């Protein structure tokens, strides 16, 4: 197995203002991840994707920055299967056992989907869907316009505040918030669909691309053994 990427997650003394932009000064202390890569074989992603993380006593903060010249989205109902369109995803397995892990998805309209996997699909896992973390906070910013093919956008960005109190059930027997030096397993993914413009509107194409922080070696995100390391 290739070496897993490691993200050194800093503690922040100041909670960021969540407006989706990642411009709050608190984010300056958080390094960027490496650029996302194909989940398995495939060409270099057409658009850049990267993320930042940090934490304090209440939350794990996650920020994602997605380059995108044409931001489009249609799904507005919470806990829709958002991977059927473009989205940003977070996977967390706090104790690293490959069981009882959390998945979060969000699209450019701010629609979210949360679910818990007792075990991976390949092992017969049946998701607990929806899983709603009551204290979760999210924000989206679009640098451009959504669903307007007449212009060129810069991209869109995501900010999340995931409460430790809601993550504790995934991390039984270990400290939550984590102690300095603790390691969790994590991955981040972007679903990117091609599109056409028909009668002045975006129409989704057929060949979905998966771009990830930690490559999986197979087109299956639900292989926690190949997720990266989130080190506090």
C-alpha atoms as a PDB file:
ATOM      1  CA  UNK A   1       0.000   0.000   0.000  1.00  0.00           C
ATOM      2  CA  UNK A   2       1.388   3.460  -0.841  1.00  0.00           C
ATOM      3  CA  UNK A   3       2.094   5.894   1.958  1.00  0.00           C
ATOM      4  CA  UNK A   4      -1.044   7.583   3.202  1.00  0.00           C
ATOM      5  CA  UNK A   5      -1.232  11.383   3.157  1.00  0.00           C
ATOM      6  CA  UNK A   6      -1.139  13.059   6.559  1.00  0.00           C
ATOM      7  CA  UNK A   7      -2.810  16.348   7.408  1.00  0.00           C
ATOM      8  CA  UNK A   8      -1.432  18.149  10.466  1.00  0.00           C
ATOM      9  CA  UNK A   9      -4.558  19.803  11.871  1.00  0.00           C
ATOM     10  CA  UNK A  10      -3.800  22.915  13.950  1.00  0.00           C
ATOM     11  CA  UNK A  11      -5.740  24.182  16.926  1.00  0.00           C
ATOM     12  CA  UNK A  12      -7.194  27.645  16.415  1.00  0.00           C
ATOM     13  CA  UNK A  13      -7.478  30.191  19.200  1.00  0.00           C
ATOM     14  CA  UNK A  14     -10.228  32.003  17.316  1.00  0.00           C
ATOM     15  CA  UNK A  15     -13.359  30.482  15.835  1.00  0.00           C
ATOM     16  CA  UNK A  16     -13.767  31.496  12.177  1.00  0.00           C
ATOM     17  CA  UNK A  17     -16.770  33.395  10.935  1.00  0.00           C
ATOM     18  CA  UNK A  18     -18.516  30.830   8.752  1.00  0.00           C
ATOM     19  CA  UNK A  19     -19.560  32.579   5.562  1.00  0.00           C
ATOM     20  CA  UNK A  20     -18.249  30.028   3.067  1.00  0.00           C
ATOM     21  CA  UNK A  21     -15.356  32.155   1.810  1.00  0.00           C
ATOM     22  CA  UNK A  22     -12.385  30.843   3.887  1.00  0.00           C
ATOM     23  CA  UNK A  23     -11.194  34.457   4.134  1.00  0.00           C
ATOM     24  CA  UNK A  24     -11.544  34.813   7.893  1.00  0.00           C
ATOM     25  CA  UNK A  25      -8.063  35.447   9.389  1.00  0.00           C
ATOM     26  CA  UNK A  26      -8.410  32.346  11.588  1.00  0.00           C
ATOM     27  CA  UNK A  27      -7.954  30.163   8.496  1.00  0.00           C
ATOM     28  CA  UNK A  28      -4.474  31.569   7.838  1.00  0.00           C
ATOM     29  CA  UNK A  29      -2.968  29.214  10.424  1.00  0.00           C
ATOM     30  CA  UNK A  30      -4.361  26.140   8.658  1.00  0.00           C
ATOM     31  CA  UNK A  31      -2.299  24.677   5.795  1.00  0.00           C
ATOM     32  CA  UNK A  32      -3.853  23.574   2.533  1.00  0.00           C
ATOM     33  CA  UNK A  33      -4.114  19.906   1.767  1.00  0.00           C
ATOM     34  CA  UNK A  34      -2.368  18.612  -1.289  1.00  0.00           C
ATOM     35  CA  UNK A  35      -4.446  19.051  -4.430  1.00  0.00           C
ATOM     36  CA  UNK A  36      -7.084  16.387  -4.993  1.00  0.00           C
ATOM     37  CA  UNK A  37      -6.192  13.570  -7.405  1.00  0.00           C
ATOM     38  CA  UNK A  38      -8.187  10.888  -9.249  1.00  0.00           C
ATOM     39  CA  UNK A  39      -9.674   8.267  -6.951  1.00  0.00           C
ATOM     40  CA  UNK A  40      -7.907   5.572  -8.983  1.00  0.00           C
ATOM     41  CA  UNK A  41      -6.553   5.604 -12.522  1.00  0.00           C
ATOM     42  CA  UNK A  42      -7.351   8.566 -14.681  1.00  0.00           C
ATOM     43  CA  UNK A  43      -6.150  11.923 -15.934  1.00  0.00           C
ATOM     44  CA  UNK A  44      -5.179  14.801 -13.684  1.00  0.00           C
ATOM     45  CA  UNK A  45      -8.341  16.572 -12.502  1.00  0.00           C
ATOM     46  CA  UNK A  46      -9.438  19.348 -14.829  1.00  0.00           C
ATOM     47  CA  UNK A  47     -10.078  21.740 -11.931  1.00  0.00           C
ATOM     48  CA  UNK A  48      -8.137  22.293  -8.731  1.00  0.00           C
ATOM     49  CA  UNK A  49      -9.609  21.191  -5.393  1.00  0.00           C
ATOM     50  CA  UNK A  50      -8.005  21.575  -1.963  1.00  0.00           C
ATOM     51  CA  UNK A  51      -9.061  21.923   1.658  1.00  0.00           C
ATOM     52  CA  UNK A  52      -8.093  23.219   5.103  1.00  0.00           C
ATOM     53  CA  UNK A  53      -8.930  21.917   8.575  1.00  0.00           C
ATOM     54  CA  UNK A  54      -8.477  23.205  12.124  1.00  0.00           C
ATOM     55  CA  UNK A  55     -10.162  22.763  15.484  1.00  0.00           C
ATOM     56  CA  UNK A  56     -10.997  24.237  18.855  1.00  0.00           C
ATOM     57  CA  UNK A  57     -12.762  22.912  21.951  1.00  0.00           C
ATOM     58  CA  UNK A  58     -16.176  22.869  20.275  1.00  0.00           C
ATOM     59  CA  UNK A  59     -15.703  22.081  16.592  1.00  0.00           C
ATOM     60  CA  UNK A  60     -13.686  20.499  13.836  1.00  0.00           C
ATOM     61  CA  UNK A  61     -13.625  23.100  11.059  1.00  0.00           C
ATOM     62  CA  UNK A  62     -13.373  22.027   7.429  1.00  0.00           C
ATOM     63  CA  UNK A  63     -12.994  24.333   4.450  1.00  0.00           C
ATOM     64  CA  UNK A  64     -13.007  23.285   0.801  1.00  0.00           C
ATOM     65  CA  UNK A  65     -12.084  25.379  -2.256  1.00  0.00           C
ATOM     66  CA  UNK A  66     -13.277  24.080  -5.620  1.00  0.00           C
ATOM     67  CA  UNK A  67     -12.206  25.645  -8.891  1.00  0.00           C
ATOM     68  CA  UNK A  68     -15.175  25.494 -11.280  1.00  0.00           C
ATOM     69  CA  UNK A  69     -15.870  27.608 -14.384  1.00  0.00           C
ATOM     70  CA  UNK A  70     -19.525  26.561 -14.508  1.00  0.00           C
ATOM     71  CA  UNK A  71     -21.252  26.197 -11.138  1.00  0.00           C
ATOM     72  CA  UNK A  72     -24.569  24.385 -11.484  1.00  0.00           C
ATOM     73  CA  UNK A  73     -26.825  22.434  -9.160  1.00  0.00           C
ATOM     74  CA  UNK A  74     -30.494  21.443  -8.894  1.00  0.00           C
ATOM     75  CA  UNK A  75     -30.891  19.351  -5.733  1.00  0.00           C
ATOM     76  CA  UNK A  76     -32.494  21.280  -2.868  1.00  0.00           C
ATOM     77  CA  UNK A  77     -34.018  18.581  -0.650  1.00  0.00           C
ATOM     78  CA  UNK A  78     -31.968  17.688   2.433  1.00  0.00           C
ATOM     79  CA  UNK A  79     -30.494  14.168   2.422  1.00  0.00           C
ATOM     80  CA  UNK A  80     -30.884  13.749  -1.331  1.00  0.00           C
ATOM     81  CA  UNK A  81     -28.261  11.543  -2.989  1.00  0.00           C
ATOM     82  CA  UNK A  82     -26.045  14.483  -3.855  1.00  0.00           C
ATOM     83  CA  UNK A  83     -23.378  12.455  -5.667  1.00  0.00           C
ATOM     84  CA  UNK A  84     -25.742  12.377  -8.640  1.00  0.00           C
ATOM     85  CA  UNK A  85     -24.544  15.959  -9.238  1.00  0.00           C
ATOM     86  CA  UNK A  86     -21.412  17.964  -8.389  1.00  0.00           C
ATOM     87  CA  UNK A  87     -20.600  18.007  -4.675  1.00  0.00           C
ATOM     88  CA  UNK A  88     -17.974  18.080  -1.909  1.00  0.00           C
ATOM     89  CA  UNK A  89     -17.697  15.204   0.575  1.00  0.00           C
ATOM     90  CA  UNK A  90     -16.093  14.517   3.970  1.00  0.00           C
ATOM     91  CA  UNK A  91     -15.476  11.049   5.457  1.00  0.00           C
ATOM     92  CA  UNK A  92     -14.417  10.573   9.094  1.00  0.00           C
ATOM     93  CA  UNK A  93     -13.487   7.379  10.933  1.00  0.00           C
ATOM     94  CA  UNK A  94     -12.286   8.743  14.290  1.00  0.00           C
ATOM     95  CA  UNK A  95     -11.047   5.485  15.823  1.00  0.00           C
ATOM     96  CA  UNK A  96      -9.691   4.125  12.543  1.00  0.00           C
ATOM     97  CA  UNK A  97     -11.301   0.704  12.787  1.00  0.00           C
ATOM     98  CA  UNK A  98     -13.110   0.938   9.453  1.00  0.00           C
ATOM     99  CA  UNK A  99     -16.471   0.659  11.199  1.00  0.00           C
ATOM    100  CA  UNK A 100     -19.118   3.156  12.307  1.00  0.00           C
ATOM    101  CA  UNK A 101     -17.891   6.066  10.188  1.00  0.00           C
ATOM    102  CA  UNK A 102     -19.493   9.347   9.142  1.00  0.00           C
ATOM    103  CA  UNK A 103     -20.055  10.705   5.638  1.00  0.00           C
ATOM    104  CA  UNK A 104     -21.104  14.254   4.761  1.00  0.00           C
ATOM    105  CA  UNK A 105     -21.946  15.744   1.366  1.00  0.00           C
ATOM    106  CA  UNK A 106     -22.843  19.271   0.258  1.00  0.00           C
ATOM    107  CA  UNK A 107     -23.600  20.896  -3.095  1.00  0.00           C
ATOM    108  CA  UNK A 108     -23.279  24.473  -4.406  1.00  0.00           C
ATOM    109  CA  UNK A 109     -26.823  25.275  -3.275  1.00  0.00           C
ATOM    110  CA  UNK A 110     -25.923  24.371   0.327  1.00  0.00           C
ATOM    111  CA  UNK A 111     -28.024  21.191   0.309  1.00  0.00           C
ATOM    112  CA  UNK A 112     -26.533  18.517   2.594  1.00  0.00           C
ATOM    113  CA  UNK A 113     -26.658  14.753   3.009  1.00  0.00           C
ATOM    114  CA  UNK A 114     -25.385  12.948   6.109  1.00  0.00           C
ATOM    115  CA  UNK A 115     -25.111   9.232   6.687  1.00  0.00           C
ATOM    116  CA  UNK A 116     -23.413   6.696   8.933  1.00  0.00           C
ATOM    117  CA  UNK A 117     -21.914   3.449   7.671  1.00  0.00           C
ATOM    118  CA  UNK A 118     -21.715   0.668  10.302  1.00  0.00           C
ATOM    119  CA  UNK A 119     -19.255  -1.024   7.924  1.00  0.00           C
ATOM    120  CA  UNK A 120     -18.238  -0.555   4.277  1.00  0.00           C
ATOM    121  CA  UNK A 121     -20.652  -1.515   1.519  1.00  0.00           C
ATOM    122  CA  UNK A 122     -18.240  -4.203   0.272  1.00  0.00           C
ATOM    123  CA  UNK A 123     -18.580  -5.927   3.659  1.00  0.00           C
ATOM    124  CA  UNK A 124     -22.364  -5.775   3.597  1.00  0.00           C
ATOM    125  CA  UNK A 125     -22.761  -2.400   5.245  1.00  0.00           C
ATOM    126  CA  UNK A 126     -26.206  -0.798   5.160  1.00  0.00           C
ATOM    127  CA  UNK A 127     -26.109   2.982   5.700  1.00  0.00           C
ATOM    128  CA  UNK A 128     -27.996   4.686   8.476  1.00  0.00           C
ATOM    129  CA  UNK A 129     -29.586   7.377   6.355  1.00  0.00           C
ATOM    130  CA  UNK A 130     -30.176  10.084   7.217  1.00  0.00           C
ATOM    131  CA  UNK A 131     -27.765  10.756  10.033  1.00  0.00           C
ATOM    132  CA  UNK A 132     -28.289  14.273  11.321  1.00  0.00           C
ATOM    133  CA  UNK A 133     -25.650  15.862  13.547  1.00  0.00           C
ATOM    134  CA  UNK A 134     -27.791  18.423  15.379  1.00  0.00           C
ATOM    135  CA  UNK A 135     -24.995  20.911  15.989  1.00  0.00           C
ATOM    136  CA  UNK A 136     -23.543  20.869  12.468  1.00  0.00           C
ATOM    137  CA  UNK A 137     -23.034  24.288  10.848  1.00  0.00           C
ATOM    138  CA  UNK A 138     -22.401  24.847   7.135  1.00  0.00           C
ATOM    139  CA  UNK A 139     -21.818  27.737   4.755  1.00  0.00           C
ATOM    140  CA  UNK A 140     -21.397  28.015   0.971  1.00  0.00           C
ATOM    141  CA  UNK A 141     -19.953  30.783  -1.191  1.00  0.00           C
ATOM    142  CA  UNK A 142     -20.117  30.879  -4.980  1.00  0.00           C
ATOM    143  CA  UNK A 143     -17.541  33.025  -6.752  1.00  0.00           C
ATOM    144  CA  UNK A 144     -19.763  33.580  -9.758  1.00  0.00           C
ATOM    145  CA  UNK A 145     -23.369  32.665 -10.448  1.00  0.00           C
ATOM    146  CA  UNK A 146     -25.185  29.352 -10.048  1.00  0.00           C
ATOM    147  CA  UNK A 147     -27.000  27.885 -13.060  1.00  0.00           C
ATOM    148  CA  UNK A 148     -26.076  30.658 -15.478  1.00  0.00           C
ATOM    149  CA  UNK A 149     -24.245  29.256 -18.539  1.00  0.00           C
ATOM    150  CA  UNK A 150     -23.829  32.724 -20.045  1.00  0.00           C
ATOM    151  CA  UNK A 151     -20.875  33.598 -17.813  1.00  0.00           C
ATOM    152  CA  UNK A 152     -17.679  31.984 -16.523  1.00  0.00           C
ATOM    153  CA  UNK A 153     -17.345  31.388 -12.787  1.00  0.00           C
ATOM    154  CA  UNK A 154     -14.244  31.083 -10.630  1.00  0.00           C
ATOM    155  CA  UNK A 155     -15.567  28.330  -8.356  1.00  0.00           C
ATOM    156  CA  UNK A 156     -17.278  27.653  -5.076  1.00  0.00           C
ATOM    157  CA  UNK A 157     -16.205  27.095  -1.493  1.00  0.00           C
ATOM    158  CA  UNK A 158     -17.474  25.299   1.592  1.00  0.00           C
ATOM    159  CA  UNK A 159     -17.069  25.814   5.324  1.00  0.00           C
ATOM    160  CA  UNK A 160     -18.171  23.300   7.955  1.00  0.00           C
ATOM    161  CA  UNK A 161     -18.162  23.320  11.744  1.00  0.00           C
ATOM    162  CA  UNK A 162     -18.634  19.743  12.933  1.00  0.00           C
ATOM    163  CA  UNK A 163     -19.312  19.574  16.700  1.00  0.00           C
ATOM    164  CA  UNK A 164     -17.186  17.245  18.794  1.00  0.00           C
ATOM    165  CA  UNK A 165     -20.224  16.394  20.895  1.00  0.00           C
ATOM    166  CA  UNK A 166     -21.901  14.909  17.817  1.00  0.00           C
ATOM    167  CA  UNK A 167     -18.747  13.054  16.713  1.00  0.00           C
ATOM    168  CA  UNK A 168     -18.125  11.430  20.119  1.00  0.00           C
ATOM    169  CA  UNK A 169     -20.336   8.370  19.373  1.00  0.00           C
ATOM    170  CA  UNK A 170     -17.982   7.519  16.475  1.00  0.00           C
ATOM    171  CA  UNK A 171     -14.967   7.630  18.807  1.00  0.00           C
ATOM    172  CA  UNK A 172     -15.979   5.559  21.836  1.00  0.00           C
ATOM    173  CA  UNK A 173     -13.249   4.984  24.391  1.00  0.00           C
ATOM    174  CA  UNK A 174     -11.095   7.858  23.141  1.00  0.00           C
ATOM    175  CA  UNK A 175     -10.990  11.552  23.915  1.00  0.00           C
ATOM    176  CA  UNK A 176     -13.330  13.813  21.955  1.00  0.00           C
ATOM    177  CA  UNK A 177     -12.133  16.513  21.311  1.00  0.00           C
ATOM    178  CA  UNK A 178      -8.965  14.574  20.506  1.00  0.00           C
ATOM    179  CA  UNK A 179      -5.792  15.004  22.492  1.00  0.00           C
ATOM    180  CA  UNK A 180      -2.761  16.549  20.767  1.00  0.00           C
ATOM    181  CA  UNK A 181      -1.053  13.888  18.671  1.00  0.00           C
ATOM    182  CA  UNK A 182      -4.204  11.807  18.238  1.00  0.00           C
ATOM    183  CA  UNK A 183      -4.847  10.451  14.761  1.00  0.00           C
ATOM    184  CA  UNK A 184      -8.149   9.939  12.968  1.00  0.00           C
ATOM    185  CA  UNK A 185      -8.762   8.538   9.510  1.00  0.00           C
ATOM    186  CA  UNK A 186     -10.244  10.931   6.978  1.00  0.00           C
ATOM    187  CA  UNK A 187     -10.862  11.405   3.316  1.00  0.00           C
ATOM    188  CA  UNK A 188     -12.259  14.206   1.192  1.00  0.00           C
ATOM    189  CA  UNK A 189     -13.849  13.847  -2.214  1.00  0.00           C
ATOM    190  CA  UNK A 190     -15.306  15.903  -5.016  1.00  0.00           C
ATOM    191  CA  UNK A 191     -17.831  14.510  -7.502  1.00  0.00           C
ATOM    192  CA  UNK A 192     -17.601  16.226 -10.878  1.00  0.00           C
ATOM    193  CA  UNK A 193     -20.002  15.556 -13.736  1.00  0.00           C
ATOM    194  CA  UNK A 194     -19.653  16.834 -17.309  1.00  0.00           C
ATOM    195  CA  UNK A 195     -22.424  18.976 -18.698  1.00  0.00           C
ATOM    196  CA  UNK A 196     -23.888  20.388 -21.854  1.00  0.00           C
ATOM    197  CA  UNK A 197     -25.837  23.588 -22.367  1.00  0.00           C
ATOM    198  CA  UNK A 198     -29.251  22.980 -23.910  1.00  0.00           C
ATOM    199  CA  UNK A 199     -31.696  25.839 -24.469  1.00  0.00           C
ATOM    200  CA  UNK A 200     -29.704  28.074 -22.147  1.00  0.00           C
ATOM    201  CA  UNK A 201     -29.585  25.594 -19.249  1.00  0.00           C
ATOM    202  CA  UNK A 202     -27.060  23.084 -17.899  1.00  0.00           C
ATOM    203  CA  UNK A 203     -27.778  19.420 -18.618  1.00  0.00           C
ATOM    204  CA  UNK A 204     -25.765  16.758 -16.780  1.00  0.00           C
ATOM    205  CA  UNK A 205     -23.578  14.393 -18.801  1.00  0.00           C
ATOM    206  CA  UNK A 206     -22.761  10.757 -18.107  1.00  0.00           C
ATOM    207  CA  UNK A 207     -19.120  10.268 -17.078  1.00  0.00           C
ATOM    208  CA  UNK A 208     -18.754  11.009 -13.359  1.00  0.00           C
ATOM    209  CA  UNK A 209     -15.229  11.778 -12.104  1.00  0.00           C
ATOM    210  CA  UNK A 210     -14.145  11.264  -8.481  1.00  0.00           C
ATOM    211  CA  UNK A 211     -11.340  13.534  -7.223  1.00  0.00           C
ATOM    212  CA  UNK A 212      -9.998  12.804  -3.747  1.00  0.00           C
ATOM    213  CA  UNK A 213      -7.419  13.818  -1.172  1.00  0.00           C
ATOM    214  CA  UNK A 214      -6.227  10.266  -0.482  1.00  0.00           C
ATOM    215  CA  UNK A 215      -6.354   8.008  -3.561  1.00  0.00           C
ATOM    216  CA  UNK A 216      -8.192   4.736  -3.073  1.00  0.00           C
ATOM    217  CA  UNK A 217      -6.574   2.457  -5.645  1.00  0.00           C
ATOM    218  CA  UNK A 218     -10.093   1.444  -6.668  1.00  0.00           C
ATOM    219  CA  UNK A 219     -13.215   3.352  -7.661  1.00  0.00           C
ATOM    220  CA  UNK A 220     -14.776   2.928  -4.223  1.00  0.00           C
ATOM    221  CA  UNK A 221     -14.591   5.624  -1.559  1.00  0.00           C
ATOM    222  CA  UNK A 222     -15.781   3.206   1.112  1.00  0.00           C
ATOM    223  CA  UNK A 223     -12.405   1.571   1.763  1.00  0.00           C
ATOM    224  CA  UNK A 224     -11.361   3.285   5.025  1.00  0.00           C
ATOM    225  CA  UNK A 225      -7.996   1.500   5.084  1.00  0.00           C
ATOM    226  CA  UNK A 226      -6.839   3.755   2.236  1.00  0.00           C
ATOM    227  CA  UNK A 227      -8.080   7.023   3.715  1.00  0.00           C
ATOM    228  CA  UNK A 228      -5.511   9.524   4.880  1.00  0.00           C
ATOM    229  CA  UNK A 229      -4.490  10.465   8.416  1.00  0.00           C
ATOM    230  CA  UNK A 230      -5.886  13.501  10.231  1.00  0.00           C
ATOM    231  CA  UNK A 231      -3.372  14.287  12.996  1.00  0.00           C
ATOM    232  CA  UNK A 232      -4.246  16.781  15.732  1.00  0.00           C
END
